[in-house]
Amino acid sequence: MSGLDEELPQEYEQIPWSQLVPVQKDRSLQLAVLVVVIAAALLAIVFMMRRPAATVPVVASTAVPPAVIDEAPGVATPASPASALPVPEPESTVVPQPQIYSEADLMAALPPQPELMAIARAEWFVTDYFTVDGDAALGDSVGAALPDAVSRPATDGSAISYVEWARAVAVATALDGSFDITVWFRTLVGDSAGGFTRTDVRAVDVRLVTDSSGLLAVADIPGVVSLEPVGVAPPWPAGSVAPPDVIALAAKRAAEFGREPSLESSGLDERGWRLVFSVGDASGLRFPIVVRPPPTGL
C-alpha cells in the first residue's frame, strides 16, 4: 500500500498569505466622524451656556373691565382703570460700577485758580513785609507792592526780623474781584550782635485787588486779626508694656528717622500701640517722636 502511494502523483496548492490573515477594517474614517460629533456637541453646550437667559415680557392685561351698574336702571359704565391691580415689574439687580475720578474732579478739591493766586500772593507779601534784615532789594520789593501814600517798615540796621513761616488760613472773595486773606505767621527776631528769639504766632489780614491788567495788587498794609487760641488734646495713653516684637518693629522705624533710638514710654489706645522714642539728629540734640507700628504687629 505504501508503494502505491509513492507511485501516485502529488499535487500542491499555493494559498496566498494575505488570505490567511483576517481582514483589518480601516477605522480612521470612524474616528474622524466621532471627533467631529464630539466637537459639535461641545460647541453647542458652550453656546447654550453663554446665551442670555430668556426673559418673559410683561404684557398688560387686555381683559375688559367689569361693568358697573349705574344708579339709573339699564345704564352700565365701565370700571375705572384705577381699580385694576398694578402689574409688578420684574426685579433687577444693579451692580454699582467703580467710580473713576477725572482730572477736573481732582482739581475741584482745590480752591479755584484766582483764589490760589491770591493765597500765594498774600503769603509772599507777609513774608517780605515782616522780614527786615537790611537788604535794600527786599525793602524795594515791599515798597513797589504798596501804594505811595502807605508807610513802610524801616530799620537802622541794629534790629533784624525774619519770617520763619507764613500760611493763609482763610479766603474771602468779594463781588468786585477783591480778596481778603487771613495769614498766620511767625518771626525770628534778634540783633546783629546776638542770637534770635522766636516770637508768638500772629495773624494779619491782607487785602488784594485786581488792577486794570488783571493782576493782583496789594491794596493796603497788613491789618490786625485776632488769633483763636489753640485747643487742648486729651492725654496720651501710657503705662502699658508693648510686646517685644512690637517694640523691635517700632525701634527699627525710629532708627530710620534718627540716631540711637531709646524707648521712653508705650501705651495702647483705639488706634493701637503708641510708642515714644527719643532720637538724635545731626545737631546733637534729641527729640521725642511717636512710632505706631502697623496693626499686624499687635
Protein backbone atom coordinates (compact mmCIF):
# COMPACT_ATOMS: atom_id res chain seq x y z
CA MET A 1 0.00 0.00 0.00
CA SER A 2 2.79 2.30 0.77
CA GLY A 3 4.34 1.60 -2.62
CA LEU A 4 1.10 2.59 -4.32
CA ASP A 5 1.09 5.88 -2.55
CA GLU A 6 4.54 6.58 -3.74
CA GLU A 7 3.53 5.93 -7.34
CA LEU A 8 0.56 8.38 -7.28
CA PRO A 9 1.44 11.90 -8.31
CA GLN A 10 1.12 14.54 -5.54
CA GLU A 11 -0.34 17.99 -6.17
CA TYR A 12 0.34 21.10 -4.05
CA GLU A 13 -1.89 24.19 -3.82
CA GLN A 14 -0.41 27.61 -3.08
CA ILE A 15 -2.63 29.79 -0.82
CA PRO A 16 -1.65 33.45 -0.56
CA TRP A 17 -0.63 34.54 2.94
CA SER A 18 -2.98 37.51 2.83
CA GLN A 19 -5.96 35.15 2.68
CA LEU A 20 -4.91 33.50 5.94
CA VAL A 21 -4.76 36.87 7.88
CA PRO A 22 -8.19 38.24 8.91
CA VAL A 23 -9.22 41.38 7.05
CA GLN A 24 -8.50 44.56 9.07
CA LYS A 25 -11.09 47.31 8.70
CA ASP A 26 -9.94 50.92 8.27
CA ARG A 27 -11.22 52.78 11.37
CA SER A 28 -9.73 56.21 10.55
CA LEU A 29 -12.97 57.38 8.97
CA GLN A 30 -14.99 56.31 12.01
CA LEU A 31 -12.60 58.12 14.37
CA ALA A 32 -12.81 61.30 12.30
CA VAL A 33 -16.61 61.22 12.36
CA LEU A 34 -16.57 60.65 16.14
CA VAL A 35 -14.24 63.62 16.72
CA VAL A 36 -16.46 65.89 14.62
CA VAL A 37 -19.57 64.82 16.54
CA ILE A 38 -17.89 65.44 19.92
CA ALA A 39 -16.62 68.88 18.84
CA ALA A 40 -20.07 69.88 17.60
CA ALA A 41 -21.62 68.79 20.91
CA LEU A 42 -19.10 70.84 22.92
CA LEU A 43 -19.72 73.92 20.79
CA ALA A 44 -23.46 73.55 21.30
CA ILE A 45 -23.03 73.30 25.08
CA VAL A 46 -20.80 76.40 25.20
CA PHE A 47 -23.26 78.35 23.07
CA MET A 48 -26.18 77.43 25.34
CA MET A 49 -24.23 78.42 28.47
CA ARG A 50 -23.24 81.83 27.07
CA ARG A 51 -26.71 82.57 25.77
CA PRO A 52 -28.55 85.09 27.99
CA ALA A 53 -31.45 83.79 29.95
CA ALA A 54 -34.75 84.22 28.21
CA THR A 55 -36.95 86.92 29.68
CA VAL A 56 -40.68 86.73 29.69
CA PRO A 57 -42.18 90.04 28.58
CA VAL A 58 -44.80 91.55 30.82
CA VAL A 59 -47.97 92.01 28.80
CA ALA A 60 -50.63 94.29 30.11
CA SER A 61 -53.96 92.63 30.63
CA THR A 62 -56.40 93.13 27.77
CA ALA A 63 -59.37 91.85 29.67
CA VAL A 64 -62.41 94.09 29.56
CA PRO A 65 -63.02 95.67 32.96
CA PRO A 66 -66.19 94.59 34.63
CA ALA A 67 -69.19 96.79 34.11
CA VAL A 68 -70.56 98.82 36.96
CA ILE A 69 -74.30 99.32 37.15
CA ASP A 70 -75.17 102.97 37.40
CA GLU A 71 -77.92 104.22 39.61
CA ALA A 72 -80.11 104.71 36.56
CA PRO A 73 -81.63 101.40 35.57
CA GLY A 74 -80.43 99.87 32.34
CA VAL A 75 -77.23 102.00 32.13
CA ALA A 76 -73.83 100.33 32.54
CA THR A 77 -70.47 102.16 32.77
CA PRO A 78 -67.04 100.57 32.60
CA ALA A 79 -64.99 100.39 35.79
CA SER A 80 -62.23 102.92 36.41
CA PRO A 81 -58.71 101.83 35.34
CA ALA A 82 -57.51 102.72 38.84
CA SER A 83 -59.41 99.73 40.18
CA ALA A 84 -57.15 97.35 38.22
CA LEU A 85 -54.30 95.83 40.24
CA PRO A 86 -50.81 97.02 39.18
CA VAL A 87 -48.62 94.50 37.42
CA PRO A 88 -45.39 94.06 39.42
CA GLU A 89 -42.27 94.67 37.38
CA PRO A 90 -39.52 92.05 37.48
CA GLU A 91 -36.79 92.83 39.99
CA SER A 92 -33.38 93.66 38.59
CA THR A 93 -30.07 93.73 40.41
CA VAL A 94 -27.91 96.74 39.56
CA VAL A 95 -24.19 96.21 40.12
CA PRO A 96 -22.53 99.54 41.04
CA GLN A 97 -19.72 100.46 38.69
CA PRO A 98 -16.39 101.67 40.12
CA GLN A 99 -16.21 105.46 40.13
CA ILE A 100 -13.36 106.90 38.11
CA TYR A 101 -12.28 110.42 39.03
CA SER A 102 -11.22 112.72 36.24
CA GLU A 103 -8.59 115.42 36.46
CA ALA A 104 -11.36 118.01 36.77
CA ASP A 105 -12.79 116.16 39.80
CA LEU A 106 -9.41 116.10 41.49
CA MET A 107 -8.80 119.77 40.79
CA ALA A 108 -12.25 120.60 42.18
CA ALA A 109 -10.95 119.68 45.67
CA LEU A 110 -8.56 122.64 45.47
CA PRO A 111 -9.60 126.30 45.60
CA PRO A 112 -10.27 127.93 42.22
CA GLN A 113 -7.28 129.32 40.35
CA PRO A 114 -7.89 133.01 41.28
CA GLU A 115 -8.03 132.10 44.98
CA LEU A 116 -4.84 130.04 44.71
CA MET A 117 -3.09 133.03 43.19
CA ALA A 118 -4.41 135.30 45.94
CA ILE A 119 -3.24 132.90 48.66
CA ALA A 120 0.25 132.70 47.18
CA ARG A 121 0.47 136.48 46.78
CA ALA A 122 -0.67 137.13 50.36
CA GLU A 123 1.84 134.70 51.86
CA TRP A 124 4.58 136.18 49.69
CA PHE A 125 3.74 139.72 50.76
CA VAL A 126 3.60 138.90 54.50
CA THR A 127 6.99 137.16 54.26
CA ASP A 128 8.60 140.18 52.62
CA TYR A 129 6.82 142.78 54.78
CA PHE A 130 7.88 141.35 58.17
CA THR A 131 11.39 140.37 57.05
CA VAL A 132 13.71 143.30 57.83
CA ASP A 133 17.40 142.42 57.59
CA GLY A 134 18.93 145.47 55.94
CA ASP A 135 18.65 144.07 52.43
CA ALA A 136 17.70 147.01 50.23
CA ALA A 137 16.31 144.79 47.47
CA LEU A 138 13.77 143.26 49.85
CA GLY A 139 12.65 146.69 51.02
CA ASP A 140 12.29 147.87 47.45
CA SER A 141 10.02 144.93 46.58
CA VAL A 142 7.75 145.78 49.50
CA GLY A 143 7.67 149.44 48.54
CA ALA A 144 6.86 148.59 44.93
CA ALA A 145 3.91 146.46 46.04
CA LEU A 146 2.32 149.17 48.23
CA PRO A 147 0.60 152.45 47.28
CA ASP A 148 2.73 155.56 47.52
CA ALA A 149 0.86 157.03 50.48
CA VAL A 150 1.40 153.99 52.73
CA SER A 151 4.27 153.93 55.20
CA ARG A 152 6.83 151.15 55.00
CA PRO A 153 8.88 149.18 57.58
CA ALA A 154 12.10 150.96 58.48
CA THR A 155 15.22 150.00 60.45
CA ASP A 156 18.59 151.47 61.24
CA GLY A 157 20.28 148.08 60.85
CA SER A 158 20.52 147.23 64.55
CA ALA A 159 17.40 145.03 64.64
CA ILE A 160 16.68 142.04 62.42
CA SER A 161 13.42 140.18 61.76
CA TYR A 162 12.97 137.01 59.70
CA VAL A 163 9.65 135.38 58.85
CA GLU A 164 10.04 131.72 59.76
CA TRP A 165 6.79 130.67 58.06
CA ALA A 166 3.55 132.19 56.73
CA ARG A 167 0.35 130.30 55.91
CA ALA A 168 -3.02 131.51 54.62
CA VAL A 169 -5.88 130.05 56.68
CA ALA A 170 -8.96 131.85 55.29
CA VAL A 171 -10.02 133.44 52.00
CA ALA A 172 -12.94 135.84 51.50
CA THR A 173 -13.88 136.75 47.92
CA ALA A 174 -15.88 139.89 47.10
CA LEU A 175 -18.06 140.52 44.06
CA ASP A 176 -15.68 143.21 42.77
CA GLY A 177 -12.86 140.63 42.44
CA SER A 178 -11.02 141.62 45.62
CA PHE A 179 -9.77 139.16 48.24
CA ASP A 180 -9.28 139.32 52.00
CA ILE A 181 -6.69 136.72 53.02
CA THR A 182 -6.05 135.82 56.66
CA VAL A 183 -2.42 134.80 57.13
CA TRP A 184 -0.80 133.25 60.17
CA PHE A 185 2.97 133.75 60.53
CA ARG A 186 5.86 133.55 62.97
CA THR A 187 9.09 135.54 63.03
CA LEU A 188 12.60 135.17 64.39
CA VAL A 189 13.85 138.44 65.88
CA GLY A 190 17.29 139.49 67.11
CA ASP A 191 20.12 141.94 66.62
CA SER A 192 23.29 141.94 64.62
CA ALA A 193 25.41 141.04 67.65
CA GLY A 194 23.32 138.38 69.38
CA GLY A 195 21.12 135.43 68.57
CA PHE A 196 17.48 135.13 67.59
CA THR A 197 14.26 134.71 69.53
CA ARG A 198 11.16 133.04 68.14
CA THR A 199 8.01 135.15 68.56
CA ASP A 200 4.46 134.01 69.13
CA VAL A 201 2.28 133.22 66.14
CA ARG A 202 0.38 136.29 64.91
CA ALA A 203 -2.39 136.81 62.34
CA VAL A 204 -2.93 139.58 59.79
CA ASP A 205 -5.38 140.35 57.00
CA VAL A 206 -4.09 141.12 53.51
CA ARG A 207 -6.44 142.82 51.06
CA LEU A 208 -5.80 142.20 47.37
CA VAL A 209 -7.47 143.86 44.40
CA THR A 210 -7.37 143.21 40.68
CA ASP A 211 -5.85 146.01 38.63
CA SER A 212 -6.77 147.05 35.09
CA SER A 213 -4.40 144.49 33.58
CA GLY A 214 -5.94 141.60 35.57
CA LEU A 215 -3.05 141.24 38.02
CA LEU A 216 -3.38 141.03 41.80
CA ALA A 217 -2.23 144.12 43.71
CA VAL A 218 -1.81 144.72 47.45
CA ALA A 219 -4.38 147.33 48.46
CA ASP A 220 -3.08 148.14 51.96
CA ILE A 221 -0.58 147.21 54.63
CA PRO A 222 -1.43 144.13 56.77
CA GLY A 223 -4.33 144.51 59.17
CA VAL A 224 -4.53 143.08 62.67
CA VAL A 225 -6.62 139.90 63.09
CA SER A 226 -7.30 138.21 66.41
CA LEU A 227 -5.85 134.72 66.62
CA GLU A 228 -8.06 131.97 68.02
CA PRO A 229 -6.45 130.08 70.90
CA VAL A 230 -5.34 126.55 70.17
CA GLY A 231 -7.25 123.60 71.58
CA VAL A 232 -6.15 121.06 74.17
CA ALA A 233 -5.99 117.38 73.17
CA PRO A 234 -6.86 114.51 75.54
CA PRO A 235 -3.96 112.92 77.44
CA TRP A 236 -1.86 110.34 75.67
CA PRO A 237 -2.13 106.71 76.72
CA ALA A 238 0.84 105.44 78.70
CA GLY A 239 1.74 102.77 81.20
CA SER A 240 1.13 99.69 79.00
CA VAL A 241 4.07 97.47 78.15
CA ALA A 242 4.17 96.60 74.45
CA PRO A 243 5.14 93.08 73.33
CA PRO A 244 8.81 92.56 72.39
CA ASP A 245 8.06 92.11 68.67
CA VAL A 246 6.12 95.40 68.61
CA ILE A 247 8.97 97.22 70.36
CA ALA A 248 11.52 95.75 67.93
CA LEU A 249 9.49 96.83 64.89
CA ALA A 250 8.95 100.33 66.31
CA ALA A 251 12.64 100.71 67.19
CA LYS A 252 13.58 99.79 63.62
CA ARG A 253 11.34 102.52 62.26
CA ALA A 254 12.63 105.06 64.78
CA ALA A 255 16.20 104.25 63.68
CA GLU A 256 15.23 105.18 60.11
CA PHE A 257 14.28 108.66 61.34
CA GLY A 258 17.10 109.48 63.78
CA ARG A 259 20.12 108.18 65.60
CA GLU A 260 20.27 105.85 68.62
CA PRO A 261 16.54 105.48 69.36
CA SER A 262 15.67 104.99 73.00
CA LEU A 263 12.21 103.87 74.15
CA GLU A 264 10.67 106.28 76.65
CA SER A 265 7.06 105.08 77.00
CA SER A 266 4.35 102.99 75.37
CA GLY A 267 0.57 102.93 75.54
CA LEU A 268 -2.41 101.28 73.91
CA ASP A 269 -5.42 103.21 72.58
CA GLU A 270 -8.17 102.73 69.97
CA ARG A 271 -5.62 103.18 67.17
CA GLY A 272 -3.22 100.57 68.52
CA TRP A 273 0.17 100.83 70.15
CA ARG A 274 1.74 104.26 70.64
CA LEU A 275 5.46 104.15 71.42
CA VAL A 276 7.58 107.21 72.18
CA PHE A 277 11.27 107.10 71.25
CA SER A 278 13.99 109.65 71.87
CA VAL A 279 16.18 110.00 68.77
CA GLY A 280 19.15 112.20 67.93
CA ASP A 281 20.00 114.11 64.76
CA ALA A 282 22.94 115.90 63.19
CA SER A 283 22.63 118.85 65.61
CA GLY A 284 23.44 116.64 68.59
CA LEU A 285 20.00 117.22 70.12
CA ARG A 286 17.48 114.50 70.86
CA PHE A 287 13.78 114.75 70.03
CA PRO A 288 10.90 112.57 71.23
CA ILE A 289 8.92 111.07 68.33
CA VAL A 290 5.91 108.76 68.17
CA VAL A 291 6.01 105.46 66.32
CA ARG A 292 2.83 103.50 65.64
CA PRO A 293 3.52 100.02 64.29
CA PRO A 294 1.02 98.61 61.78
CA PRO A 295 -1.94 96.61 63.13
CA THR A 296 -0.23 93.38 62.08
CA GLY A 297 2.33 93.99 64.80
CA LEU A 298 -0.26 93.88 67.58
